[in-house]
N, C-alpha and C. Protein backbone atom coordinates (compact mmCIF):
# COMPACT_ATOMS: atom_id res chain seq x y z
N UNK A 1 0.84 -1.18 0.00
CA UNK A 1 0.00 0.00 0.00
C UNK A 1 0.88 1.24 0.00
N UNK A 2 0.45 2.25 -0.69
CA UNK A 2 1.17 3.51 -0.72
C UNK A 2 1.14 4.11 0.68
N UNK A 3 2.25 4.74 1.09
CA UNK A 3 2.40 5.15 2.49
C UNK A 3 1.39 6.18 2.97
N UNK A 4 0.85 7.03 2.13
CA UNK A 4 -0.11 8.02 2.62
C UNK A 4 -1.54 7.67 2.20
N UNK A 5 -1.82 6.40 2.03
CA UNK A 5 -3.12 5.96 1.53
C UNK A 5 -3.88 5.16 2.58
N UNK A 6 -5.19 5.06 2.35
CA UNK A 6 -6.05 4.19 3.15
C UNK A 6 -6.63 3.13 2.22
N UNK A 7 -6.97 1.98 2.79
CA UNK A 7 -7.61 0.91 2.03
C UNK A 7 -9.12 1.00 2.27
N UNK A 8 -9.89 0.98 1.19
CA UNK A 8 -11.35 1.09 1.29
C UNK A 8 -11.96 -0.19 0.72
N UNK A 9 -12.84 -0.81 1.51
CA UNK A 9 -13.55 -2.01 1.08
C UNK A 9 -15.04 -1.73 1.11
N UNK A 10 -15.73 -2.10 0.04
CA UNK A 10 -17.17 -1.92 -0.07
C UNK A 10 -17.86 -3.27 0.12
N UNK A 11 -19.09 -3.22 0.64
CA UNK A 11 -19.88 -4.44 0.84
C UNK A 11 -21.30 -4.25 0.31
N UNK A 12 -21.95 -5.35 -0.05
CA UNK A 12 -23.35 -5.36 -0.41
C UNK A 12 -23.71 -4.41 -1.53
N UNK A 13 -24.79 -3.66 -1.33
CA UNK A 13 -25.28 -2.76 -2.38
C UNK A 13 -24.30 -1.64 -2.68
N UNK A 14 -23.46 -1.27 -1.70
CA UNK A 14 -22.44 -0.25 -1.94
C UNK A 14 -21.40 -0.79 -2.91
N UNK A 15 -21.05 -2.05 -2.73
CA UNK A 15 -20.12 -2.72 -3.65
C UNK A 15 -20.71 -2.75 -5.06
N UNK A 16 -22.00 -3.05 -5.15
CA UNK A 16 -22.65 -3.09 -6.47
C UNK A 16 -22.62 -1.72 -7.14
N UNK A 17 -22.85 -0.65 -6.36
CA UNK A 17 -22.79 0.70 -6.93
C UNK A 17 -21.39 1.02 -7.44
N UNK A 18 -20.38 0.62 -6.67
CA UNK A 18 -18.99 0.90 -7.05
C UNK A 18 -18.53 0.00 -8.20
N UNK A 19 -19.00 -1.25 -8.19
CA UNK A 19 -18.58 -2.20 -9.20
C UNK A 19 -17.12 -2.59 -9.06
N UNK A 20 -16.58 -2.52 -7.86
CA UNK A 20 -15.16 -2.79 -7.63
C UNK A 20 -15.03 -3.77 -6.46
N UNK A 21 -14.80 -5.05 -6.74
CA UNK A 21 -14.81 -6.05 -5.67
C UNK A 21 -13.60 -6.02 -4.74
N UNK A 22 -12.44 -5.65 -5.21
CA UNK A 22 -11.26 -5.70 -4.36
C UNK A 22 -11.10 -4.38 -3.60
N UNK A 23 -10.37 -4.40 -2.49
CA UNK A 23 -10.15 -3.14 -1.77
C UNK A 23 -9.51 -2.10 -2.69
N UNK A 24 -9.90 -0.87 -2.49
CA UNK A 24 -9.42 0.26 -3.27
C UNK A 24 -8.45 1.06 -2.40
N UNK A 25 -7.38 1.53 -2.97
CA UNK A 25 -6.42 2.37 -2.26
C UNK A 25 -6.68 3.82 -2.64
N UNK A 26 -6.90 4.66 -1.63
CA UNK A 26 -7.20 6.08 -1.86
C UNK A 26 -6.19 6.91 -1.07
N UNK A 27 -5.63 7.90 -1.74
CA UNK A 27 -4.61 8.75 -1.12
C UNK A 27 -5.15 10.13 -0.77
N UNK A 28 -4.49 10.76 0.20
CA UNK A 28 -4.68 12.18 0.46
C UNK A 28 -5.97 12.59 1.14
N UNK A 29 -6.57 11.73 1.94
CA UNK A 29 -7.79 12.09 2.65
C UNK A 29 -7.50 12.19 4.14
N UNK A 30 -8.02 13.25 4.76
CA UNK A 30 -7.83 13.42 6.21
C UNK A 30 -9.08 13.09 7.00
N UNK A 31 -10.24 13.10 6.34
CA UNK A 31 -11.50 12.79 7.02
C UNK A 31 -12.35 11.88 6.14
N UNK A 32 -13.37 11.30 6.75
CA UNK A 32 -14.31 10.48 5.97
C UNK A 32 -14.99 11.34 4.91
N UNK A 33 -15.33 12.59 5.24
CA UNK A 33 -15.97 13.48 4.26
C UNK A 33 -15.08 13.67 3.03
N UNK A 34 -13.77 13.87 3.24
CA UNK A 34 -12.84 14.01 2.11
C UNK A 34 -12.77 12.72 1.31
N UNK A 35 -12.81 11.58 1.99
CA UNK A 35 -12.81 10.29 1.31
C UNK A 35 -14.05 10.15 0.43
N UNK A 36 -15.21 10.51 0.96
CA UNK A 36 -16.45 10.44 0.18
C UNK A 36 -16.35 11.32 -1.06
N UNK A 37 -15.76 12.49 -0.91
CA UNK A 37 -15.57 13.38 -2.06
C UNK A 37 -14.69 12.74 -3.13
N UNK A 38 -13.60 12.13 -2.71
CA UNK A 38 -12.72 11.45 -3.67
C UNK A 38 -13.43 10.28 -4.33
N UNK A 39 -14.19 9.52 -3.55
CA UNK A 39 -14.92 8.38 -4.11
C UNK A 39 -15.98 8.86 -5.09
N UNK A 40 -16.61 9.99 -4.79
CA UNK A 40 -17.58 10.58 -5.72
C UNK A 40 -16.94 10.96 -7.03
N UNK A 41 -15.71 11.48 -6.97
CA UNK A 41 -14.99 11.82 -8.20
C UNK A 41 -14.68 10.58 -9.03
N UNK A 42 -14.45 9.46 -8.35
CA UNK A 42 -14.16 8.20 -9.05
C UNK A 42 -15.40 7.52 -9.61
N UNK A 43 -16.47 7.49 -8.81
CA UNK A 43 -17.64 6.68 -9.15
C UNK A 43 -18.89 7.48 -9.49
N UNK A 44 -18.84 8.80 -9.37
CA UNK A 44 -19.97 9.64 -9.75
C UNK A 44 -20.79 10.15 -8.58
N UNK A 45 -21.61 11.16 -8.90
CA UNK A 45 -22.44 11.82 -7.88
C UNK A 45 -23.44 10.87 -7.22
N UNK A 46 -24.03 9.96 -7.98
CA UNK A 46 -24.99 9.03 -7.39
C UNK A 46 -24.33 8.19 -6.30
N UNK A 47 -23.08 7.82 -6.53
CA UNK A 47 -22.36 7.02 -5.54
C UNK A 47 -22.11 7.85 -4.28
N UNK A 48 -21.59 9.06 -4.43
CA UNK A 48 -21.32 9.86 -3.24
C UNK A 48 -22.61 10.25 -2.53
N UNK A 49 -23.69 10.50 -3.26
CA UNK A 49 -24.98 10.80 -2.63
C UNK A 49 -25.47 9.60 -1.82
N UNK A 50 -25.26 8.40 -2.33
CA UNK A 50 -25.64 7.19 -1.58
C UNK A 50 -24.83 7.08 -0.30
N UNK A 51 -23.55 7.41 -0.36
CA UNK A 51 -22.71 7.32 0.83
C UNK A 51 -23.11 8.36 1.88
N UNK A 52 -23.57 9.51 1.44
CA UNK A 52 -23.93 10.59 2.36
C UNK A 52 -25.34 10.46 2.92
N UNK A 53 -26.15 9.60 2.32
CA UNK A 53 -27.51 9.40 2.81
C UNK A 53 -27.46 8.67 4.15
N UNK A 54 -28.11 9.25 5.16
CA UNK A 54 -28.05 8.66 6.50
C UNK A 54 -28.73 7.30 6.56
N UNK A 55 -29.62 6.99 5.62
CA UNK A 55 -30.30 5.70 5.62
C UNK A 55 -29.60 4.65 4.76
N UNK A 56 -28.52 5.02 4.12
CA UNK A 56 -27.91 4.16 3.11
C UNK A 56 -26.78 3.26 3.62
N UNK A 57 -25.85 3.82 4.37
CA UNK A 57 -24.68 3.02 4.74
C UNK A 57 -24.03 3.54 6.01
N UNK A 58 -23.07 2.77 6.48
CA UNK A 58 -22.26 3.24 7.59
C UNK A 58 -20.81 2.89 7.34
N UNK A 59 -19.94 3.60 8.04
CA UNK A 59 -18.50 3.49 7.83
C UNK A 59 -17.83 2.94 9.08
N UNK A 60 -16.82 2.12 8.85
CA UNK A 60 -15.95 1.65 9.93
C UNK A 60 -14.53 2.08 9.61
N UNK A 61 -13.83 2.56 10.64
CA UNK A 61 -12.40 2.86 10.52
C UNK A 61 -11.69 1.86 11.41
N UNK A 62 -10.91 0.98 10.80
CA UNK A 62 -10.20 -0.07 11.55
C UNK A 62 -11.16 -0.84 12.45
N UNK A 63 -12.37 -1.11 11.92
CA UNK A 63 -13.35 -1.92 12.63
C UNK A 63 -14.23 -1.18 13.60
N UNK A 64 -14.08 0.14 13.73
CA UNK A 64 -14.89 0.92 14.68
C UNK A 64 -15.78 1.90 13.93
N UNK A 65 -17.05 1.97 14.34
CA UNK A 65 -18.00 2.88 13.71
C UNK A 65 -17.62 4.33 13.91
N UNK A 66 -17.97 5.17 12.93
CA UNK A 66 -17.57 6.57 12.98
C UNK A 66 -18.49 7.44 13.82
N UNK A 67 -19.64 6.97 14.21
CA UNK A 67 -20.58 7.82 14.94
C UNK A 67 -20.01 8.28 16.28
N UNK A 68 -19.17 7.49 16.89
CA UNK A 68 -18.57 7.86 18.18
C UNK A 68 -17.29 8.66 18.01
N UNK A 69 -16.83 8.82 16.78
CA UNK A 69 -15.54 9.51 16.57
C UNK A 69 -15.66 10.78 15.73
N UNK A 70 -16.87 11.25 15.50
CA UNK A 70 -17.03 12.50 14.75
C UNK A 70 -17.81 12.39 13.47
N UNK A 71 -18.42 11.25 13.20
CA UNK A 71 -19.19 11.10 11.97
C UNK A 71 -18.33 11.32 10.73
N UNK A 72 -18.86 12.09 9.80
CA UNK A 72 -18.13 12.32 8.55
C UNK A 72 -16.85 13.12 8.75
N UNK A 73 -16.74 13.79 9.88
CA UNK A 73 -15.51 14.55 10.18
C UNK A 73 -14.47 13.69 10.90
N UNK A 74 -14.74 12.41 11.07
CA UNK A 74 -13.78 11.50 11.71
C UNK A 74 -12.47 11.52 10.94
N UNK A 75 -11.38 11.64 11.66
CA UNK A 75 -10.07 11.67 11.03
C UNK A 75 -9.65 10.27 10.59
N UNK A 76 -8.99 10.24 9.43
CA UNK A 76 -8.39 8.99 8.97
C UNK A 76 -6.91 9.24 8.73
N UNK A 77 -6.14 8.18 8.94
CA UNK A 77 -4.69 8.29 8.82
C UNK A 77 -4.17 7.28 7.81
N UNK A 78 -3.01 7.56 7.23
CA UNK A 78 -2.42 6.59 6.31
C UNK A 78 -2.35 5.21 6.95
N UNK A 79 -2.72 4.21 6.18
CA UNK A 79 -2.70 2.84 6.66
C UNK A 79 -4.01 2.38 7.26
N UNK A 80 -4.95 3.31 7.51
CA UNK A 80 -6.25 2.90 8.05
C UNK A 80 -6.99 2.03 7.05
N UNK A 81 -7.85 1.18 7.59
CA UNK A 81 -8.72 0.35 6.77
C UNK A 81 -10.14 0.85 6.95
N UNK A 82 -10.74 1.30 5.86
CA UNK A 82 -12.09 1.84 5.87
C UNK A 82 -13.01 0.81 5.23
N UNK A 83 -14.11 0.51 5.92
CA UNK A 83 -15.12 -0.38 5.36
C UNK A 83 -16.42 0.40 5.25
N UNK A 84 -17.08 0.25 4.10
CA UNK A 84 -18.35 0.93 3.86
C UNK A 84 -19.40 -0.15 3.63
N UNK A 85 -20.36 -0.20 4.54
CA UNK A 85 -21.37 -1.25 4.53
C UNK A 85 -22.76 -0.66 4.40
N UNK A 86 -23.66 -1.36 3.70
CA UNK A 86 -25.04 -0.87 3.62
C UNK A 86 -25.77 -1.20 4.92
N UNK A 87 -26.75 -0.34 5.25
CA UNK A 87 -27.64 -0.69 6.35
C UNK A 87 -28.49 -1.87 5.89
N UNK A 88 -28.83 -2.73 6.78
CA UNK A 88 -29.67 -3.88 6.45
C UNK A 88 -31.06 -3.60 7.00
N UNK A 89 -32.04 -3.66 6.12
CA UNK A 89 -33.42 -3.42 6.52
C UNK A 89 -34.04 -4.74 6.92
N UNK A 90 -34.31 -4.87 8.21
CA UNK A 90 -34.89 -6.12 8.71
C UNK A 90 -36.40 -6.14 8.51
N UNK A 91 -36.95 -5.03 7.97
CA UNK A 91 -38.36 -4.78 7.77
C UNK A 91 -39.17 -5.91 7.38
């Protein structure tokens, strides 16, 4: 992995939107919000809008949810592993 990059893994419907099964390496992001912006540039506005929708998905940084660490403003560091998972509707 590049030294100033994070690894991003998508799951479920988020993976389908991205169309990229293997982890993606993304450089130069300091927060989850900046990461979403970069991912939007790669995969389009519909993808970034899905990530920003509060009903759509949640993020883990090194296995921990971002809601306790600042939400979209949560800091990320080089070498972090980011997972983006869809919410599951048990409805």
